PDB file of N, CA and C in Angstrom:
ATOM      1  N   MET A   1     -46.966 -36.963 -33.828  1.00  0.00           N
ATOM      2  CA  MET A   1     -48.250 -37.911 -32.936  1.00  0.00           C
ATOM      3  C   MET A   1     -49.675 -37.635 -33.925  1.00  0.00           C
ATOM      4  N   LYS A   2     -49.935 -38.505 -33.734  1.00  0.00           N
ATOM      5  CA  LYS A   2     -51.597 -38.329 -35.018  1.00  0.00           C
ATOM      6  C   LYS A   2     -52.563 -38.784 -33.494  1.00  0.00           C
ATOM      7  N   SER A   3     -53.747 -38.157 -34.184  1.00  0.00           N
ATOM      8  CA  SER A   3     -54.714 -38.639 -33.234  1.00  0.00           C
ATOM      9  C   SER A   3     -56.110 -38.986 -33.658  1.00  0.00           C
ATOM     10  N   VAL A   4     -56.627 -39.845 -34.091  1.00  0.00           N
ATOM     11  CA  VAL A   4     -58.057 -40.718 -34.540  1.00  0.00           C
ATOM     12  C   VAL A   4     -59.034 -40.868 -33.296  1.00  0.00           C
ATOM     13  N   LYS A   5     -60.422 -40.605 -33.526  1.00  0.00           N
ATOM     14  CA  LYS A   5     -61.408 -40.541 -32.228  1.00  0.00           C
ATOM     15  C   LYS A   5     -62.098 -42.417 -33.182  1.00  0.00           C
ATOM     16  N   ILE A   6     -62.140 -42.889 -32.799  1.00  0.00           N
ATOM     17  CA  ILE A   6     -62.908 -44.231 -32.681  1.00  0.00           C
ATOM     18  C   ILE A   6     -64.252 -44.617 -31.327  1.00  0.00           C
ATOM     19  N   SER A   7     -65.005 -45.686 -31.766  1.00  0.00           N
ATOM     20  CA  SER A   7     -65.957 -46.118 -30.971  1.00  0.00           C
ATOM     21  C   SER A   7     -65.405 -48.120 -30.513  1.00  0.00           C
ATOM     22  N   LEU A   8     -65.829 -48.201 -29.751  1.00  0.00           N
ATOM     23  CA  LEU A   8     -65.539 -49.713 -29.516  1.00  0.00           C
ATOM     24  C   LEU A   8     -66.325 -49.865 -28.627  1.00  0.00           C
ATOM     25  N   GLU A   9     -67.790 -50.037 -29.159  1.00  0.00           N
ATOM     26  CA  GLU A   9     -69.147 -50.109 -27.778  1.00  0.00           C
ATOM     27  C   GLU A   9     -69.629 -51.817 -27.722  1.00  0.00           C
ATOM     28  N   MET A  10     -69.260 -53.066 -28.721  1.00  0.00           N
ATOM     29  CA  MET A  10     -68.836 -54.182 -28.177  1.00  0.00           C
ATOM     30  C   MET A  10     -67.782 -55.004 -27.904  1.00  0.00           C
ATOM     31  N   ALA A  11     -67.640 -56.281 -27.265  1.00  0.00           N
ATOM     32  CA  ALA A  11     -66.270 -56.730 -26.958  1.00  0.00           C
ATOM     33  C   ALA A  11     -66.007 -57.259 -27.985  1.00  0.00           C
ATOM     34  N   GLN A  12     -66.576 -57.838 -28.969  1.00  0.00           N
ATOM     35  CA  GLN A  12     -65.490 -58.118 -30.093  1.00  0.00           C
ATOM     36  C   GLN A  12     -64.952 -57.088 -31.473  1.00  0.00           C
ATOM     37  N   ARG A  13     -65.336 -55.857 -31.042  1.00  0.00           N
ATOM     38  CA  ARG A  13     -64.984 -54.535 -31.521  1.00  0.00           C
ATOM     39  C   ARG A  13     -63.679 -54.761 -30.593  1.00  0.00           C
ATOM     40  N   VAL A  14     -63.512 -54.284 -29.470  1.00  0.00           N
ATOM     41  CA  VAL A  14     -62.572 -54.475 -28.348  1.00  0.00           C
ATOM     42  C   VAL A  14     -61.561 -55.654 -28.983  1.00  0.00           C
ATOM     43  N   LYS A  15     -61.564 -56.596 -28.967  1.00  0.00           N
ATOM     44  CA  LYS A  15     -60.765 -57.541 -29.424  1.00  0.00           C
ATOM     45  C   LYS A  15     -60.015 -57.644 -30.702  1.00  0.00           C
ATOM     46  N   GLU A  16     -61.137 -56.912 -32.156  1.00  0.00           N
ATOM     47  CA  GLU A  16     -60.298 -57.142 -33.406  1.00  0.00           C
ATOM     48  C   GLU A  16     -59.924 -55.361 -33.108  1.00  0.00           C
ATOM     49  N   PHE A  17     -59.923 -54.643 -32.353  1.00  0.00           N
ATOM     50  CA  PHE A  17     -58.462 -53.287 -32.080  1.00  0.00           C
ATOM     51  C   PHE A  17     -57.766 -53.728 -31.486  1.00  0.00           C
ATOM     52  N   VAL A  18     -57.534 -54.499 -30.579  1.00  0.00           N
ATOM     53  CA  VAL A  18     -56.592 -54.926 -29.789  1.00  0.00           C
ATOM     54  C   VAL A  18     -55.537 -55.722 -30.669  1.00  0.00           C
ATOM     55  N   ASN A  19     -55.836 -56.590 -31.254  1.00  0.00           N
ATOM     56  CA  ASN A  19     -55.114 -57.536 -32.580  1.00  0.00           C
ATOM     57  C   ASN A  19     -54.633 -56.350 -33.445  1.00  0.00           C
ATOM     58  N   ILE A  20     -55.612 -55.730 -33.753  1.00  0.00           N
ATOM     59  CA  ILE A  20     -54.386 -54.766 -35.000  1.00  0.00           C
ATOM     60  C   ILE A  20     -53.707 -53.969 -34.529  1.00  0.00           C
ATOM     61  N   THR A  21     -53.832 -53.417 -32.796  1.00  0.00           N
ATOM     62  CA  THR A  21     -52.832 -52.595 -32.038  1.00  0.00           C
ATOM     63  C   THR A  21     -51.224 -53.131 -31.892  1.00  0.00           C
ATOM     64  N   GLN A  22     -51.499 -54.811 -31.726  1.00  0.00           N
ATOM     65  CA  GLN A  22     -50.713 -55.226 -31.185  1.00  0.00           C
ATOM     66  C   GLN A  22     -49.550 -55.845 -32.490  1.00  0.00           C
ATOM     67  N   ALA A  23     -50.145 -55.394 -33.572  1.00  0.00           N
ATOM     68  CA  ALA A  23     -49.203 -55.852 -34.777  1.00  0.00           C
ATOM     69  C   ALA A  23     -48.192 -54.643 -35.420  1.00  0.00           C
ATOM     70  N   CYS A  24     -48.415 -53.409 -34.308  1.00  0.00           N
ATOM     71  CA  CYS A  24     -47.786 -52.634 -34.311  1.00  0.00           C
ATOM     72  C   CYS A  24     -46.379 -52.081 -33.279  1.00  0.00           C
ATOM     73  N   ASP A  25     -45.218 -51.897 -33.614  1.00  0.00           N
ATOM     74  CA  ASP A  25     -44.060 -51.467 -33.024  1.00  0.00           C
ATOM     75  C   ASP A  25     -43.701 -50.328 -32.181  1.00  0.00           C
ATOM     76  N   PHE A  26     -44.725 -49.465 -31.961  1.00  0.00           N
ATOM     77  CA  PHE A  26     -44.640 -48.223 -31.791  1.00  0.00           C
ATOM     78  C   PHE A  26     -45.724 -47.870 -30.657  1.00  0.00           C
ATOM     79  N   GLU A  27     -45.393 -47.175 -30.154  1.00  0.00           N
ATOM     80  CA  GLU A  27     -46.205 -46.994 -29.092  1.00  0.00           C
ATOM     81  C   GLU A  27     -48.095 -46.215 -28.960  1.00  0.00           C
ATOM     82  N   ILE A  28     -48.663 -46.651 -29.107  1.00  0.00           N
ATOM     83  CA  ILE A  28     -50.245 -46.730 -29.268  1.00  0.00           C
ATOM     84  C   ILE A  28     -51.272 -46.576 -27.764  1.00  0.00           C
ATOM     85  N   LEU A  29     -52.105 -44.999 -27.672  1.00  0.00           N
ATOM     86  CA  LEU A  29     -52.207 -44.966 -26.375  1.00  0.00           C
ATOM     87  C   LEU A  29     -53.734 -44.502 -27.025  1.00  0.00           C
ATOM     88  N   LEU A  30     -54.802 -45.029 -25.946  1.00  0.00           N
ATOM     89  CA  LEU A  30     -56.211 -44.723 -26.029  1.00  0.00           C
ATOM     90  C   LEU A  30     -56.386 -43.676 -24.617  1.00  0.00           C
ATOM     91  N   LYS A  31     -57.091 -42.721 -24.878  1.00  0.00           N
ATOM     92  CA  LYS A  31     -57.687 -42.011 -23.792  1.00  0.00           C
ATOM     93  C   LYS A  31     -59.141 -41.777 -24.248  1.00  0.00           C
ATOM     94  N   SER A  32     -59.575 -41.526 -23.013  1.00  0.00           N
ATOM     95  CA  SER A  32     -61.228 -41.511 -22.498  1.00  0.00           C
ATOM     96  C   SER A  32     -61.248 -40.616 -21.575  1.00  0.00           C
ATOM     97  N   GLY A  33     -61.746 -39.279 -21.821  1.00  0.00           N
ATOM     98  CA  GLY A  33     -61.616 -38.155 -20.217  1.00  0.00           C
ATOM     99  C   GLY A  33     -60.076 -38.163 -19.990  1.00  0.00           C
ATOM    100  N   LYS A  34     -59.840 -37.882 -18.698  1.00  0.00           N
ATOM    101  CA  LYS A  34     -59.091 -38.146 -18.544  1.00  0.00           C
ATOM    102  C   LYS A  34     -57.915 -39.396 -18.375  1.00  0.00           C
ATOM    103  N   TYR A  35     -58.464 -40.447 -18.429  1.00  0.00           N
ATOM    104  CA  TYR A  35     -58.051 -41.325 -18.643  1.00  0.00           C
ATOM    105  C   TYR A  35     -57.242 -42.188 -19.401  1.00  0.00           C
ATOM    106  N   VAL A  36     -55.744 -42.776 -19.548  1.00  0.00           N
ATOM    107  CA  VAL A  36     -54.948 -42.976 -20.498  1.00  0.00           C
ATOM    108  C   VAL A  36     -54.758 -44.341 -20.248  1.00  0.00           C
ATOM    109  N   VAL A  37     -54.694 -45.538 -21.711  1.00  0.00           N
ATOM    110  CA  VAL A  37     -54.608 -46.796 -21.113  1.00  0.00           C
ATOM    111  C   VAL A  37     -53.397 -47.328 -22.405  1.00  0.00           C
ATOM    112  N   ASP A  38     -52.836 -48.204 -22.604  1.00  0.00           N
ATOM    113  CA  ASP A  38     -52.043 -48.674 -23.419  1.00  0.00           C
ATOM    114  C   ASP A  38     -53.128 -49.730 -24.759  1.00  0.00           C
ATOM    115  N   ALA A  39     -53.303 -48.745 -25.773  1.00  0.00           N
ATOM    116  CA  ALA A  39     -53.888 -49.511 -27.002  1.00  0.00           C
ATOM    117  C   ALA A  39     -53.660 -50.774 -27.484  1.00  0.00           C
ATOM    118  N   LYS A  40     -52.950 -51.878 -26.904  1.00  0.00           N
ATOM    119  CA  LYS A  40     -52.381 -52.944 -26.926  1.00  0.00           C
ATOM    120  C   LYS A  40     -52.739 -53.700 -25.635  1.00  0.00           C
ATOM    121  N   SER A  41     -53.462 -53.351 -24.751  1.00  0.00           N
ATOM    122  CA  SER A  41     -54.252 -53.961 -23.460  1.00  0.00           C
ATOM    123  C   SER A  41     -55.260 -53.885 -23.421  1.00  0.00           C
ATOM    124  N   ILE A  42     -56.034 -55.172 -23.639  1.00  0.00           N
ATOM    125  CA  ILE A  42     -57.281 -55.449 -23.559  1.00  0.00           C
ATOM    126  C   ILE A  42     -58.123 -55.287 -21.957  1.00  0.00           C
ATOM    127  N   LEU A  43     -57.447 -55.336 -21.269  1.00  0.00           N
ATOM    128  CA  LEU A  43     -58.074 -55.121 -19.912  1.00  0.00           C
ATOM    129  C   LEU A  43     -58.063 -53.797 -19.466  1.00  0.00           C
ATOM    130  N   GLY A  44     -56.707 -53.094 -20.098  1.00  0.00           N
ATOM    131  CA  GLY A  44     -56.823 -51.394 -20.213  1.00  0.00           C
ATOM    132  C   GLY A  44     -57.990 -51.174 -20.875  1.00  0.00           C
ATOM    133  N   ILE A  45     -58.298 -51.205 -21.891  1.00  0.00           N
ATOM    134  CA  ILE A  45     -59.595 -51.005 -22.867  1.00  0.00           C
ATOM    135  C   ILE A  45     -60.962 -50.977 -22.026  1.00  0.00           C
ATOM    136  N   PHE A  46     -60.913 -52.251 -21.351  1.00  0.00           N
ATOM    137  CA  PHE A  46     -62.086 -52.700 -20.946  1.00  0.00           C
ATOM    138  C   PHE A  46     -62.344 -51.902 -19.595  1.00  0.00           C
ATOM    139  N   SER A  47     -61.404 -50.983 -18.785  1.00  0.00           N
ATOM    140  CA  SER A  47     -61.215 -50.641 -17.808  1.00  0.00           C
ATOM    141  C   SER A  47     -61.580 -48.984 -18.200  1.00  0.00           C
ATOM    142  N   LEU A  48     -62.069 -48.673 -19.545  1.00  0.00           N
ATOM    143  CA  LEU A  48     -62.393 -47.353 -20.337  1.00  0.00           C
ATOM    144  C   LEU A  48     -64.463 -47.219 -20.158  1.00  0.00           C
ATOM    145  N   ASP A  49     -64.793 -46.243 -20.331  1.00  0.00           N
ATOM    146  CA  ASP A  49     -66.000 -46.254 -20.502  1.00  0.00           C
ATOM    147  C   ASP A  49     -65.800 -46.350 -21.970  1.00  0.00           C
ATOM    148  N   LEU A  50     -66.443 -47.363 -22.570  1.00  0.00           N
ATOM    149  CA  LEU A  50     -66.503 -47.575 -23.944  1.00  0.00           C
ATOM    150  C   LEU A  50     -68.432 -47.117 -24.482  1.00  0.00           C
ATOM    151  N   SER A  51     -69.357 -46.749 -23.891  1.00  0.00           N
ATOM    152  CA  SER A  51     -70.274 -45.903 -24.748  1.00  0.00           C
ATOM    153  C   SER A  51     -69.707 -44.677 -24.928  1.00  0.00           C
ATOM    154  N   ARG A  52     -68.521 -44.245 -24.856  1.00  0.00           N
ATOM    155  CA  ARG A  52     -68.515 -43.014 -25.693  1.00  0.00           C
ATOM    156  C   ARG A  52     -67.323 -43.302 -26.429  1.00  0.00           C
ATOM    157  N   PRO A  53     -67.407 -41.995 -27.384  1.00  0.00           N
ATOM    158  CA  PRO A  53     -65.861 -41.983 -28.345  1.00  0.00           C
ATOM    159  C   PRO A  53     -64.770 -41.985 -27.694  1.00  0.00           C
ATOM    160  N   LEU A  54     -63.739 -42.614 -27.954  1.00  0.00           N
ATOM    161  CA  LEU A  54     -62.216 -42.989 -27.468  1.00  0.00           C
ATOM    162  C   LEU A  54     -61.228 -42.087 -28.581  1.00  0.00           C
ATOM    163  N   THR A  55     -59.913 -41.528 -28.042  1.00  0.00           N
ATOM    164  CA  THR A  55     -59.291 -41.087 -29.126  1.00  0.00           C
ATOM    165  C   THR A  55     -57.992 -41.984 -29.061  1.00  0.00           C
ATOM    166  N   VAL A  56     -57.197 -42.001 -29.958  1.00  0.00           N
ATOM    167  CA  VAL A  56     -56.303 -43.185 -30.009  1.00  0.00           C
ATOM    168  C   VAL A  56     -55.068 -42.120 -30.266  1.00  0.00           C
ATOM    169  N   GLU A  57     -54.050 -42.145 -29.819  1.00  0.00           N
ATOM    170  CA  GLU A  57     -53.007 -41.459 -30.271  1.00  0.00           C
ATOM    171  C   GLU A  57     -52.191 -42.216 -30.754  1.00  0.00           C
ATOM    172  N   ILE A  58     -51.105 -42.025 -31.410  1.00  0.00           N
ATOM    173  CA  ILE A  58     -50.451 -42.732 -32.636  1.00  0.00           C
ATOM    174  C   ILE A  58     -49.188 -41.944 -32.501  1.00  0.00           C
ATOM    175  N   TYR A  59     -48.117 -42.746 -31.976  1.00  0.00           N
ATOM    176  CA  TYR A  59     -46.485 -42.463 -31.633  1.00  0.00           C
ATOM    177  C   TYR A  59     -45.545 -42.701 -32.571  1.00  0.00           C
ATOM    178  N   SER A  60     -46.294 -42.527 -33.838  1.00  0.00           N
ATOM    179  CA  SER A  60     -45.675 -42.725 -34.996  1.00  0.00           C
ATOM    180  C   SER A  60     -45.753 -42.396 -36.200  1.00  0.00           C
ATOM    181  N   ASP A  61     -44.279 -41.448 -37.010  1.00  0.00           N
ATOM    182  CA  ASP A  61     -44.866 -40.989 -38.378  1.00  0.00           C
ATOM    183  C   ASP A  61     -45.185 -41.639 -39.481  1.00  0.00           C
ATOM    184  N   ASP A  62     -45.224 -43.124 -39.610  1.00  0.00           N
ATOM    185  CA  ASP A  62     -45.534 -44.044 -40.541  1.00  0.00           C
ATOM    186  C   ASP A  62     -46.591 -45.163 -40.014  1.00  0.00           C
ATOM    187  N   CYS A  63     -47.533 -44.339 -40.355  1.00  0.00           N
ATOM    188  CA  CYS A  63     -48.598 -44.810 -39.400  1.00  0.00           C
ATOM    189  C   CYS A  63     -49.652 -45.590 -40.562  1.00  0.00           C
ATOM    190  N   GLY A  64     -49.458 -45.121 -41.753  1.00  0.00           N
ATOM    191  CA  GLY A  64     -50.789 -45.040 -42.579  1.00  0.00           C
ATOM    192  C   GLY A  64     -51.184 -46.168 -42.708  1.00  0.00           C
ATOM    193  N   GLU A  65     -51.014 -47.072 -42.838  1.00  0.00           N
ATOM    194  CA  GLU A  65     -51.389 -48.718 -42.432  1.00  0.00           C
ATOM    195  C   GLU A  65     -52.519 -48.956 -41.504  1.00  0.00           C
ATOM    196  N   LEU A  66     -51.695 -48.285 -40.206  1.00  0.00           N
ATOM    197  CA  LEU A  66     -52.497 -48.690 -39.245  1.00  0.00           C
ATOM    198  C   LEU A  66     -53.938 -48.096 -39.572  1.00  0.00           C
ATOM    199  N   LEU A  67     -53.849 -46.218 -40.138  1.00  0.00           N
ATOM    200  CA  LEU A  67     -54.615 -44.866 -40.128  1.00  0.00           C
ATOM    201  C   LEU A  67     -55.626 -45.769 -41.235  1.00  0.00           C
ATOM    202  N   GLU A  68     -55.732 -46.843 -41.923  1.00  0.00           N
ATOM    203  CA  GLU A  68     -56.351 -47.396 -42.963  1.00  0.00           C
ATOM    204  C   GLU A  68     -57.247 -48.562 -41.881  1.00  0.00           C
ATOM    205  N   GLN A  69     -56.510 -49.254 -41.216  1.00  0.00           N
ATOM    206  CA  GLN A  69     -57.676 -50.253 -40.449  1.00  0.00           C
ATOM    207  C   GLN A  69     -57.942 -49.586 -39.653  1.00  0.00           C
ATOM    208  N   LEU A  70     -57.751 -48.739 -39.044  1.00  0.00           N
ATOM    209  CA  LEU A  70     -58.741 -47.528 -37.764  1.00  0.00           C
ATOM    210  C   LEU A  70     -59.940 -47.204 -38.378  1.00  0.00           C
ATOM    211  N   LYS A  71     -60.394 -47.105 -39.829  1.00  0.00           N
ATOM    212  CA  LYS A  71     -61.471 -46.425 -40.005  1.00  0.00           C
ATOM    213  C   LYS A  71     -62.538 -47.225 -40.058  1.00  0.00           C
ATOM    214  N   LYS A  72     -62.502 -48.370 -39.756  1.00  0.00           N
ATOM    215  CA  LYS A  72     -63.703 -49.603 -39.721  1.00  0.00           C
ATOM    216  C   LYS A  72     -64.175 -49.194 -38.027  1.00  0.00           C
ATOM    217  N   PHE A  73     -63.576 -48.500 -37.171  1.00  0.00           N
ATOM    218  CA  PHE A  73     -64.196 -47.943 -35.775  1.00  0.00           C
ATOM    219  C   PHE A  73     -64.299 -46.983 -36.141  1.00  0.00           C
ATOM    220  N   ALA A  74     -64.050 -45.747 -36.952  1.00  0.00           N
ATOM    221  CA  ALA A  74     -64.128 -44.453 -36.684  1.00  0.00           C
ATOM    222  C   ALA A  74     -65.725 -43.708 -35.949  1.00  0.00           C
ATOM    223  N   ALA A  75     -65.054 -43.070 -35.388  1.00  0.00           N
ATOM    224  CA  ALA A  75     -66.759 -42.380 -34.375  1.00  0.00           C
ATOM    225  C   ALA A  75     -67.278 -41.123 -34.906  1.00  0.00           C
TER     226      ALA A  75
END
């Protein structure tokens, strides 16, 4: 598992993030405090507090390309 801190403060960034994660065939979770949602679910993401940094948990060892794409969301 790999973990990355990101920020998704605008709706456009959420949409872009979901488009990136949906292209992956492994599990990706998004955490905000005690809440955890599927990072491929736009409705789940909008249920989180987006004013704070979020933690992305990636359950794959072969995720270099995804990590590179997520750099633009770094918190």
